Amino acid sequence: MSARPTDPTCPVARTVDIVGDRWSLLIIRDAFDGVRRFSQFQRSLGIAKNILATRLRHLVDAGILRAEPSAGSSYQDYVLTDKGTELFDLIVSLRQWGQDHTFTPGEQHSVLVDAETGQPVPRLSYTTPDGTHIRADDIRVRKVHEAGGPL
């Protein structure tokens, strides 16, 4: 949550500077799950009020969440913005990695399902325009200082 990016030319570093702490990612996860109120976040996460208030303020300032008056009460709702909704793939990727690497075989865990059909959502994967699956060793990062710079 620093004011200056850790690595100013790296999109990953800039993203981690904004959402990379444990609480921010869990708040974003809960927002995708429909949590909206301060008390709901606190109950779901078991987080101290002062830490939650700081993280919510940071996510609002970063444009990830929007604070809006709650209908019929004096409370505020915290809602994902369009920018926040674009973190969907990140949250799904973390979920998939967690399913693969943090549970023992047969151990129960939550599952991402289609809201209409209840069927498990297919895994995220990246493909070329012709449909070929892209693996990590098929790509590399072109650094800004390299000839030609970024695309």
N, C-alpha and C. Protein backbone atom coordinates (compact mmCIF):
# COMPACT_ATOMS: atom_id res chain seq x y z
N MET A 1 0.82 -1.18 0.00
CA MET A 1 0.00 0.00 0.00
C MET A 1 0.86 1.25 0.00
N SER A 2 2.03 1.16 -0.65
CA SER A 2 2.94 2.29 -0.68
C SER A 2 2.50 3.28 -1.76
N ALA A 3 2.95 4.54 -1.60
CA ALA A 3 2.57 5.58 -2.54
C ALA A 3 3.35 5.45 -3.85
N ARG A 4 4.57 4.90 -3.77
CA ARG A 4 5.41 4.74 -4.95
C ARG A 4 5.48 3.28 -5.34
N PRO A 5 5.30 2.96 -6.63
CA PRO A 5 5.36 1.56 -7.03
C PRO A 5 6.71 0.92 -6.71
N THR A 6 6.68 -0.35 -6.30
CA THR A 6 7.89 -1.09 -6.01
C THR A 6 8.78 -1.17 -7.24
N ASP A 7 8.20 -1.45 -8.38
CA ASP A 7 8.90 -1.52 -9.66
C ASP A 7 8.03 -0.77 -10.65
N PRO A 8 8.35 0.50 -10.93
CA PRO A 8 7.46 1.36 -11.70
C PRO A 8 7.12 0.87 -13.10
N THR A 9 7.92 -0.02 -13.69
CA THR A 9 7.63 -0.47 -15.06
C THR A 9 6.95 -1.83 -15.10
N CYS A 10 6.67 -2.42 -13.94
CA CYS A 10 6.09 -3.77 -13.89
C CYS A 10 4.62 -3.73 -13.47
N PRO A 11 3.71 -4.16 -14.34
CA PRO A 11 2.29 -4.18 -13.99
C PRO A 11 1.98 -5.06 -12.78
N VAL A 12 2.71 -6.17 -12.62
CA VAL A 12 2.48 -7.04 -11.47
C VAL A 12 2.84 -6.32 -10.18
N ALA A 13 4.00 -5.67 -10.16
CA ALA A 13 4.43 -4.95 -8.96
C ALA A 13 3.44 -3.84 -8.61
N ARG A 14 2.98 -3.11 -9.60
CA ARG A 14 2.01 -2.04 -9.33
C ARG A 14 0.71 -2.60 -8.78
N THR A 15 0.27 -3.73 -9.31
CA THR A 15 -0.97 -4.36 -8.83
C THR A 15 -0.80 -4.85 -7.40
N VAL A 16 0.32 -5.51 -7.13
CA VAL A 16 0.58 -6.01 -5.77
C VAL A 16 0.66 -4.85 -4.79
N ASP A 17 1.21 -3.73 -5.20
CA ASP A 17 1.26 -2.56 -4.33
C ASP A 17 -0.15 -2.10 -3.93
N ILE A 18 -1.13 -2.33 -4.77
CA ILE A 18 -2.50 -1.90 -4.49
C ILE A 18 -3.31 -2.97 -3.76
N VAL A 19 -3.26 -4.21 -4.24
CA VAL A 19 -4.15 -5.25 -3.70
C VAL A 19 -3.42 -6.45 -3.11
N GLY A 20 -2.10 -6.35 -2.95
CA GLY A 20 -1.32 -7.53 -2.61
C GLY A 20 -1.29 -7.97 -1.17
N ASP A 21 -1.86 -7.21 -0.25
CA ASP A 21 -1.84 -7.69 1.13
C ASP A 21 -3.01 -8.64 1.36
N ARG A 22 -2.86 -9.48 2.36
CA ARG A 22 -3.85 -10.53 2.64
C ARG A 22 -5.27 -9.97 2.79
N TRP A 23 -5.41 -8.93 3.61
CA TRP A 23 -6.75 -8.43 3.90
C TRP A 23 -7.43 -7.84 2.68
N SER A 24 -6.68 -7.10 1.86
CA SER A 24 -7.29 -6.51 0.67
C SER A 24 -7.81 -7.58 -0.28
N LEU A 25 -7.03 -8.62 -0.49
CA LEU A 25 -7.48 -9.70 -1.38
C LEU A 25 -8.71 -10.41 -0.82
N LEU A 26 -8.75 -10.62 0.49
CA LEU A 26 -9.92 -11.28 1.08
C LEU A 26 -11.16 -10.38 1.07
N ILE A 27 -10.96 -9.08 1.22
CA ILE A 27 -12.08 -8.13 1.10
C ILE A 27 -12.63 -8.17 -0.33
N ILE A 28 -11.74 -8.17 -1.31
CA ILE A 28 -12.17 -8.24 -2.71
C ILE A 28 -12.90 -9.56 -2.97
N ARG A 29 -12.36 -10.66 -2.45
CA ARG A 29 -13.03 -11.96 -2.60
C ARG A 29 -14.44 -11.90 -2.03
N ASP A 30 -14.56 -11.35 -0.82
CA ASP A 30 -15.88 -11.25 -0.18
C ASP A 30 -16.82 -10.34 -0.97
N ALA A 31 -16.29 -9.26 -1.54
CA ALA A 31 -17.12 -8.36 -2.34
C ALA A 31 -17.68 -9.10 -3.56
N PHE A 32 -16.87 -9.96 -4.17
CA PHE A 32 -17.38 -10.79 -5.28
C PHE A 32 -18.45 -11.75 -4.79
N ASP A 33 -18.37 -12.16 -3.53
CA ASP A 33 -19.36 -13.08 -2.95
C ASP A 33 -20.60 -12.35 -2.43
N GLY A 34 -20.68 -11.02 -2.63
CA GLY A 34 -21.87 -10.28 -2.25
C GLY A 34 -21.82 -9.57 -0.91
N VAL A 35 -20.69 -9.62 -0.21
CA VAL A 35 -20.57 -8.90 1.05
C VAL A 35 -20.48 -7.41 0.72
N ARG A 36 -21.22 -6.59 1.48
CA ARG A 36 -21.29 -5.16 1.16
C ARG A 36 -21.05 -4.25 2.37
N ARG A 37 -21.43 -4.68 3.54
CA ARG A 37 -21.38 -3.81 4.72
C ARG A 37 -20.14 -4.07 5.56
N PHE A 38 -19.70 -3.02 6.24
CA PHE A 38 -18.53 -3.10 7.13
C PHE A 38 -18.68 -4.28 8.09
N SER A 39 -19.83 -4.37 8.75
CA SER A 39 -20.03 -5.44 9.74
C SER A 39 -19.99 -6.83 9.11
N GLN A 40 -20.45 -6.94 7.88
CA GLN A 40 -20.40 -8.23 7.18
C GLN A 40 -18.96 -8.62 6.86
N PHE A 41 -18.16 -7.65 6.40
CA PHE A 41 -16.75 -7.93 6.14
C PHE A 41 -16.06 -8.34 7.43
N GLN A 42 -16.33 -7.61 8.51
CA GLN A 42 -15.67 -7.91 9.78
C GLN A 42 -16.05 -9.31 10.26
N ARG A 43 -17.30 -9.65 10.17
CA ARG A 43 -17.77 -10.97 10.62
C ARG A 43 -17.16 -12.08 9.75
N SER A 44 -17.14 -11.88 8.46
CA SER A 44 -16.62 -12.89 7.54
C SER A 44 -15.13 -13.12 7.72
N LEU A 45 -14.39 -12.03 7.93
CA LEU A 45 -12.93 -12.11 7.94
C LEU A 45 -12.33 -12.22 9.34
N GLY A 46 -13.07 -11.81 10.38
CA GLY A 46 -12.50 -11.80 11.72
C GLY A 46 -11.38 -10.78 11.85
N ILE A 47 -11.49 -9.68 11.15
CA ILE A 47 -10.47 -8.64 11.08
C ILE A 47 -10.78 -7.53 12.09
N ALA A 48 -9.75 -6.94 12.66
CA ALA A 48 -9.93 -5.81 13.59
C ALA A 48 -10.56 -4.63 12.85
N LYS A 49 -11.42 -3.89 13.54
CA LYS A 49 -12.14 -2.77 12.92
C LYS A 49 -11.20 -1.74 12.32
N ASN A 50 -10.13 -1.41 13.03
CA ASN A 50 -9.22 -0.37 12.53
C ASN A 50 -8.51 -0.82 11.25
N ILE A 51 -8.13 -2.09 11.18
CA ILE A 51 -7.47 -2.60 9.98
C ILE A 51 -8.46 -2.65 8.82
N LEU A 52 -9.68 -3.11 9.09
CA LEU A 52 -10.70 -3.16 8.05
C LEU A 52 -11.00 -1.77 7.52
N ALA A 53 -11.15 -0.80 8.41
CA ALA A 53 -11.43 0.58 7.98
C ALA A 53 -10.31 1.10 7.08
N THR A 54 -9.06 0.83 7.45
CA THR A 54 -7.92 1.27 6.65
C THR A 54 -7.92 0.61 5.28
N ARG A 55 -8.15 -0.69 5.24
CA ARG A 55 -8.14 -1.42 3.96
C ARG A 55 -9.30 -0.97 3.07
N LEU A 56 -10.48 -0.82 3.63
CA LEU A 56 -11.62 -0.36 2.83
C LEU A 56 -11.36 1.03 2.26
N ARG A 57 -10.82 1.92 3.08
CA ARG A 57 -10.51 3.28 2.62
C ARG A 57 -9.48 3.22 1.47
N HIS A 58 -8.46 2.37 1.63
CA HIS A 58 -7.44 2.22 0.59
C HIS A 58 -8.06 1.70 -0.72
N LEU A 59 -8.93 0.70 -0.62
CA LEU A 59 -9.55 0.13 -1.82
C LEU A 59 -10.51 1.12 -2.48
N VAL A 60 -11.17 1.95 -1.68
CA VAL A 60 -12.02 3.02 -2.24
C VAL A 60 -11.13 4.06 -2.93
N ASP A 61 -10.06 4.49 -2.25
CA ASP A 61 -9.14 5.48 -2.84
C ASP A 61 -8.51 4.97 -4.13
N ALA A 62 -8.26 3.67 -4.20
CA ALA A 62 -7.65 3.07 -5.40
C ALA A 62 -8.66 2.83 -6.51
N GLY A 63 -9.95 3.06 -6.22
CA GLY A 63 -10.98 2.88 -7.24
C GLY A 63 -11.42 1.43 -7.42
N ILE A 64 -11.07 0.56 -6.47
CA ILE A 64 -11.46 -0.86 -6.54
C ILE A 64 -12.88 -1.04 -5.99
N LEU A 65 -13.17 -0.34 -4.90
CA LEU A 65 -14.50 -0.35 -4.29
C LEU A 65 -15.08 1.05 -4.33
N ARG A 66 -16.39 1.13 -4.25
CA ARG A 66 -17.10 2.41 -4.14
C ARG A 66 -17.94 2.34 -2.87
N ALA A 67 -17.88 3.38 -2.05
CA ALA A 67 -18.73 3.46 -0.86
C ALA A 67 -19.99 4.23 -1.27
N GLU A 68 -21.14 3.62 -1.00
CA GLU A 68 -22.40 4.28 -1.35
C GLU A 68 -23.38 4.10 -0.21
N PRO A 69 -24.30 5.06 -0.04
CA PRO A 69 -25.28 4.94 1.04
C PRO A 69 -26.10 3.67 0.89
N SER A 70 -26.32 3.00 2.00
CA SER A 70 -27.14 1.79 2.00
C SER A 70 -28.61 2.20 2.03
N ALA A 71 -29.41 1.56 1.21
CA ALA A 71 -30.83 1.89 1.14
C ALA A 71 -31.51 1.71 2.49
N GLY A 72 -32.18 2.76 2.95
CA GLY A 72 -32.97 2.68 4.17
C GLY A 72 -32.18 2.66 5.46
N SER A 73 -30.89 3.00 5.42
CA SER A 73 -30.13 3.04 6.68
C SER A 73 -29.04 4.10 6.58
N SER A 74 -28.38 4.34 7.69
CA SER A 74 -27.29 5.32 7.70
C SER A 74 -25.94 4.67 7.40
N TYR A 75 -25.95 3.38 7.12
CA TYR A 75 -24.71 2.67 6.83
C TYR A 75 -24.28 2.86 5.38
N GLN A 76 -23.03 2.49 5.11
CA GLN A 76 -22.52 2.51 3.75
C GLN A 76 -22.37 1.09 3.24
N ASP A 77 -22.58 0.92 1.95
CA ASP A 77 -22.27 -0.33 1.28
C ASP A 77 -20.98 -0.13 0.52
N TYR A 78 -20.16 -1.17 0.48
CA TYR A 78 -18.93 -1.16 -0.30
C TYR A 78 -19.14 -2.09 -1.48
N VAL A 79 -19.07 -1.52 -2.68
CA VAL A 79 -19.42 -2.23 -3.90
C VAL A 79 -18.24 -2.19 -4.86
N LEU A 80 -17.98 -3.31 -5.53
CA LEU A 80 -16.93 -3.33 -6.54
C LEU A 80 -17.25 -2.35 -7.66
N THR A 81 -16.26 -1.60 -8.08
CA THR A 81 -16.38 -0.73 -9.25
C THR A 81 -16.08 -1.57 -10.49
N ASP A 82 -16.18 -0.96 -11.65
CA ASP A 82 -15.78 -1.68 -12.87
C ASP A 82 -14.31 -2.10 -12.77
N LYS A 83 -13.49 -1.20 -12.26
CA LYS A 83 -12.06 -1.50 -12.07
C LYS A 83 -11.89 -2.68 -11.11
N GLY A 84 -12.66 -2.71 -10.05
CA GLY A 84 -12.60 -3.81 -9.10
C GLY A 84 -13.08 -5.12 -9.70
N THR A 85 -14.14 -5.05 -10.49
CA THR A 85 -14.68 -6.24 -11.14
C THR A 85 -13.66 -6.86 -12.09
N GLU A 86 -12.77 -6.04 -12.63
CA GLU A 86 -11.74 -6.56 -13.53
C GLU A 86 -10.71 -7.43 -12.79
N LEU A 87 -10.78 -7.48 -11.47
CA LEU A 87 -9.90 -8.36 -10.69
C LEU A 87 -10.45 -9.79 -10.62
N PHE A 88 -11.56 -10.05 -11.28
CA PHE A 88 -12.20 -11.36 -11.25
C PHE A 88 -11.22 -12.49 -11.61
N ASP A 89 -10.49 -12.34 -12.71
CA ASP A 89 -9.55 -13.39 -13.12
C ASP A 89 -8.48 -13.64 -12.06
N LEU A 90 -8.03 -12.58 -11.39
CA LEU A 90 -7.03 -12.75 -10.33
C LEU A 90 -7.60 -13.58 -9.19
N ILE A 91 -8.81 -13.26 -8.76
CA ILE A 91 -9.43 -14.01 -7.66
C ILE A 91 -9.68 -15.46 -8.07
N VAL A 92 -10.15 -15.68 -9.30
CA VAL A 92 -10.38 -17.05 -9.77
C VAL A 92 -9.05 -17.80 -9.86
N SER A 93 -8.00 -17.14 -10.34
CA SER A 93 -6.68 -17.79 -10.42
C SER A 93 -6.18 -18.18 -9.04
N LEU A 94 -6.33 -17.30 -8.06
CA LEU A 94 -5.93 -17.63 -6.68
C LEU A 94 -6.74 -18.81 -6.16
N ARG A 95 -8.03 -18.81 -6.45
CA ARG A 95 -8.91 -19.92 -6.04
C ARG A 95 -8.43 -21.23 -6.65
N GLN A 96 -8.17 -21.23 -7.96
CA GLN A 96 -7.72 -22.45 -8.63
C GLN A 96 -6.40 -22.94 -8.07
N TRP A 97 -5.46 -22.04 -7.86
CA TRP A 97 -4.17 -22.43 -7.29
C TRP A 97 -4.39 -23.02 -5.90
N GLY A 98 -5.23 -22.38 -5.10
CA GLY A 98 -5.52 -22.88 -3.76
C GLY A 98 -6.16 -24.26 -3.78
N GLN A 99 -7.10 -24.48 -4.70
CA GLN A 99 -7.72 -25.79 -4.83
C GLN A 99 -6.68 -26.86 -5.15
N ASP A 100 -5.73 -26.51 -6.02
CA ASP A 100 -4.72 -27.47 -6.47
C ASP A 100 -3.63 -27.73 -5.44
N HIS A 101 -3.32 -26.73 -4.61
CA HIS A 101 -2.10 -26.83 -3.79
C HIS A 101 -2.27 -26.69 -2.29
N THR A 102 -3.47 -26.40 -1.81
CA THR A 102 -3.62 -26.20 -0.36
C THR A 102 -4.60 -27.15 0.30
N PHE A 103 -5.15 -28.07 -0.45
CA PHE A 103 -6.08 -29.06 0.09
C PHE A 103 -5.53 -30.46 -0.16
N THR A 104 -5.78 -31.34 0.79
CA THR A 104 -5.39 -32.73 0.58
C THR A 104 -6.41 -33.40 -0.34
N PRO A 105 -6.03 -34.47 -1.03
CA PRO A 105 -6.99 -35.15 -1.91
C PRO A 105 -8.25 -35.54 -1.14
N GLY A 106 -9.41 -35.19 -1.69
CA GLY A 106 -10.69 -35.51 -1.07
C GLY A 106 -11.16 -34.53 -0.02
N GLU A 107 -10.30 -33.58 0.37
CA GLU A 107 -10.71 -32.58 1.37
C GLU A 107 -11.73 -31.63 0.74
N GLN A 108 -12.80 -31.36 1.46
CA GLN A 108 -13.86 -30.50 0.93
C GLN A 108 -13.42 -29.04 0.92
N HIS A 109 -13.90 -28.33 -0.09
CA HIS A 109 -13.65 -26.88 -0.20
C HIS A 109 -14.77 -26.27 -1.03
N SER A 110 -14.87 -24.95 -0.95
CA SER A 110 -15.88 -24.26 -1.75
C SER A 110 -15.53 -24.41 -3.23
N VAL A 111 -16.56 -24.30 -4.06
CA VAL A 111 -16.40 -24.48 -5.50
C VAL A 111 -17.10 -23.34 -6.22
N LEU A 112 -16.47 -22.82 -7.24
CA LEU A 112 -17.07 -21.76 -8.06
C LEU A 112 -18.03 -22.41 -9.06
N VAL A 113 -19.31 -22.01 -9.00
CA VAL A 113 -20.32 -22.62 -9.88
C VAL A 113 -21.07 -21.54 -10.66
N ASP A 114 -21.62 -21.93 -11.78
CA ASP A 114 -22.46 -21.06 -12.59
C ASP A 114 -23.71 -20.71 -11.80
N ALA A 115 -24.06 -19.43 -11.73
CA ALA A 115 -25.19 -18.98 -10.92
C ALA A 115 -26.52 -19.56 -11.41
N GLU A 116 -26.66 -19.80 -12.69
CA GLU A 116 -27.93 -20.33 -13.22
C GLU A 116 -28.02 -21.85 -13.17
N THR A 117 -26.93 -22.52 -13.55
CA THR A 117 -27.00 -23.98 -13.68
C THR A 117 -26.50 -24.73 -12.45
N GLY A 118 -25.68 -24.06 -11.62
CA GLY A 118 -25.08 -24.73 -10.47
C GLY A 118 -23.93 -25.64 -10.84
N GLN A 119 -23.55 -25.66 -12.11
CA GLN A 119 -22.45 -26.50 -12.57
C GLN A 119 -21.11 -25.81 -12.28
N PRO A 120 -20.08 -26.60 -11.95
CA PRO A 120 -18.76 -26.01 -11.73
C PRO A 120 -18.30 -25.21 -12.95
N VAL A 121 -17.66 -24.08 -12.69
CA VAL A 121 -17.15 -23.23 -13.75
C VAL A 121 -15.85 -23.85 -14.29
N PRO A 122 -15.67 -23.87 -15.62
CA PRO A 122 -14.42 -24.40 -16.18
C PRO A 122 -13.21 -23.60 -15.66
N ARG A 123 -12.08 -24.27 -15.61
CA ARG A 123 -10.85 -23.62 -15.16
C ARG A 123 -10.45 -22.52 -16.12
N LEU A 124 -9.85 -21.47 -15.57
CA LEU A 124 -9.28 -20.43 -16.42
C LEU A 124 -8.06 -21.01 -17.12
N SER A 125 -7.90 -20.68 -18.37
CA SER A 125 -6.68 -21.04 -19.08
C SER A 125 -6.50 -20.01 -20.18
N TYR A 126 -5.29 -19.89 -20.64
CA TYR A 126 -4.98 -18.90 -21.66
C TYR A 126 -4.61 -19.63 -22.94
N THR A 127 -5.13 -19.10 -24.05
CA THR A 127 -4.89 -19.74 -25.34
C THR A 127 -4.49 -18.69 -26.38
N THR A 128 -3.83 -19.16 -27.43
CA THR A 128 -3.50 -18.31 -28.56
C THR A 128 -4.77 -18.13 -29.40
N PRO A 129 -4.75 -17.21 -30.35
CA PRO A 129 -5.94 -17.03 -31.20
C PRO A 129 -6.40 -18.31 -31.90
N ASP A 130 -5.47 -19.25 -32.15
CA ASP A 130 -5.88 -20.50 -32.82
C ASP A 130 -6.31 -21.59 -31.83
N GLY A 131 -6.36 -21.26 -30.52
CA GLY A 131 -6.85 -22.19 -29.52
C GLY A 131 -5.79 -23.02 -28.81
N THR A 132 -4.52 -22.81 -29.14
CA THR A 132 -3.43 -23.54 -28.49
C THR A 132 -3.27 -23.05 -27.05
N HIS A 133 -3.21 -24.00 -26.12
CA HIS A 133 -3.04 -23.66 -24.70
C HIS A 133 -1.66 -23.01 -24.49
N ILE A 134 -1.61 -21.90 -23.76
CA ILE A 134 -0.36 -21.21 -23.47
C ILE A 134 0.12 -21.62 -22.08
N ARG A 135 1.36 -22.08 -22.00
CA ARG A 135 1.98 -22.44 -20.72
C ARG A 135 2.98 -21.35 -20.34
N ALA A 136 3.40 -21.37 -19.09
CA ALA A 136 4.34 -20.35 -18.60
C ALA A 136 5.63 -20.33 -19.41
N ASP A 137 6.14 -21.50 -19.84
CA ASP A 137 7.40 -21.49 -20.58
C ASP A 137 7.22 -21.11 -22.05
N ASP A 138 6.00 -20.83 -22.48
CA ASP A 138 5.75 -20.38 -23.84
C ASP A 138 5.84 -18.86 -23.98
N ILE A 139 5.98 -18.17 -22.87
CA ILE A 139 5.97 -16.70 -22.91
C ILE A 139 7.17 -16.15 -22.16
N ARG A 140 7.42 -14.88 -22.36
CA ARG A 140 8.42 -14.15 -21.57
C ARG A 140 7.96 -12.71 -21.46
N VAL A 141 8.53 -12.00 -20.52
CA VAL A 141 8.20 -10.60 -20.31
C VAL A 141 9.22 -9.75 -21.07
N ARG A 142 8.73 -8.83 -21.87
CA ARG A 142 9.62 -7.89 -22.54
C ARG A 142 9.73 -6.67 -21.65
N LYS A 143 10.93 -6.47 -21.09
CA LYS A 143 11.18 -5.35 -20.18
C LYS A 143 11.23 -4.04 -20.96
N VAL A 144 10.93 -2.94 -20.30
CA VAL A 144 10.92 -1.63 -20.93
C VAL A 144 12.28 -1.29 -21.51
N HIS A 145 13.35 -1.67 -20.81
CA HIS A 145 14.70 -1.30 -21.25
C HIS A 145 15.19 -2.14 -22.43
N GLU A 146 14.47 -3.22 -22.80
CA GLU A 146 14.88 -4.05 -23.92
C GLU A 146 14.58 -3.33 -25.23
N ALA A 147 15.32 -3.69 -26.26
CA ALA A 147 15.13 -3.08 -27.58
C ALA A 147 13.66 -3.17 -27.98
N GLY A 148 13.13 -2.08 -28.39
CA GLY A 148 11.74 -2.05 -28.83
C GLY A 148 10.75 -1.77 -27.71
N GLY A 149 11.15 -2.00 -26.46
CA GLY A 149 10.26 -1.74 -25.34
C GLY A 149 8.97 -2.53 -25.42
N PRO A 150 7.98 -2.11 -24.66
CA PRO A 150 6.70 -2.83 -24.67
C PRO A 150 5.97 -2.65 -25.99
N LEU A 151 5.06 -3.56 -26.25
CA LEU A 151 4.27 -3.47 -27.49
C LEU A 151 3.36 -2.28 -27.46
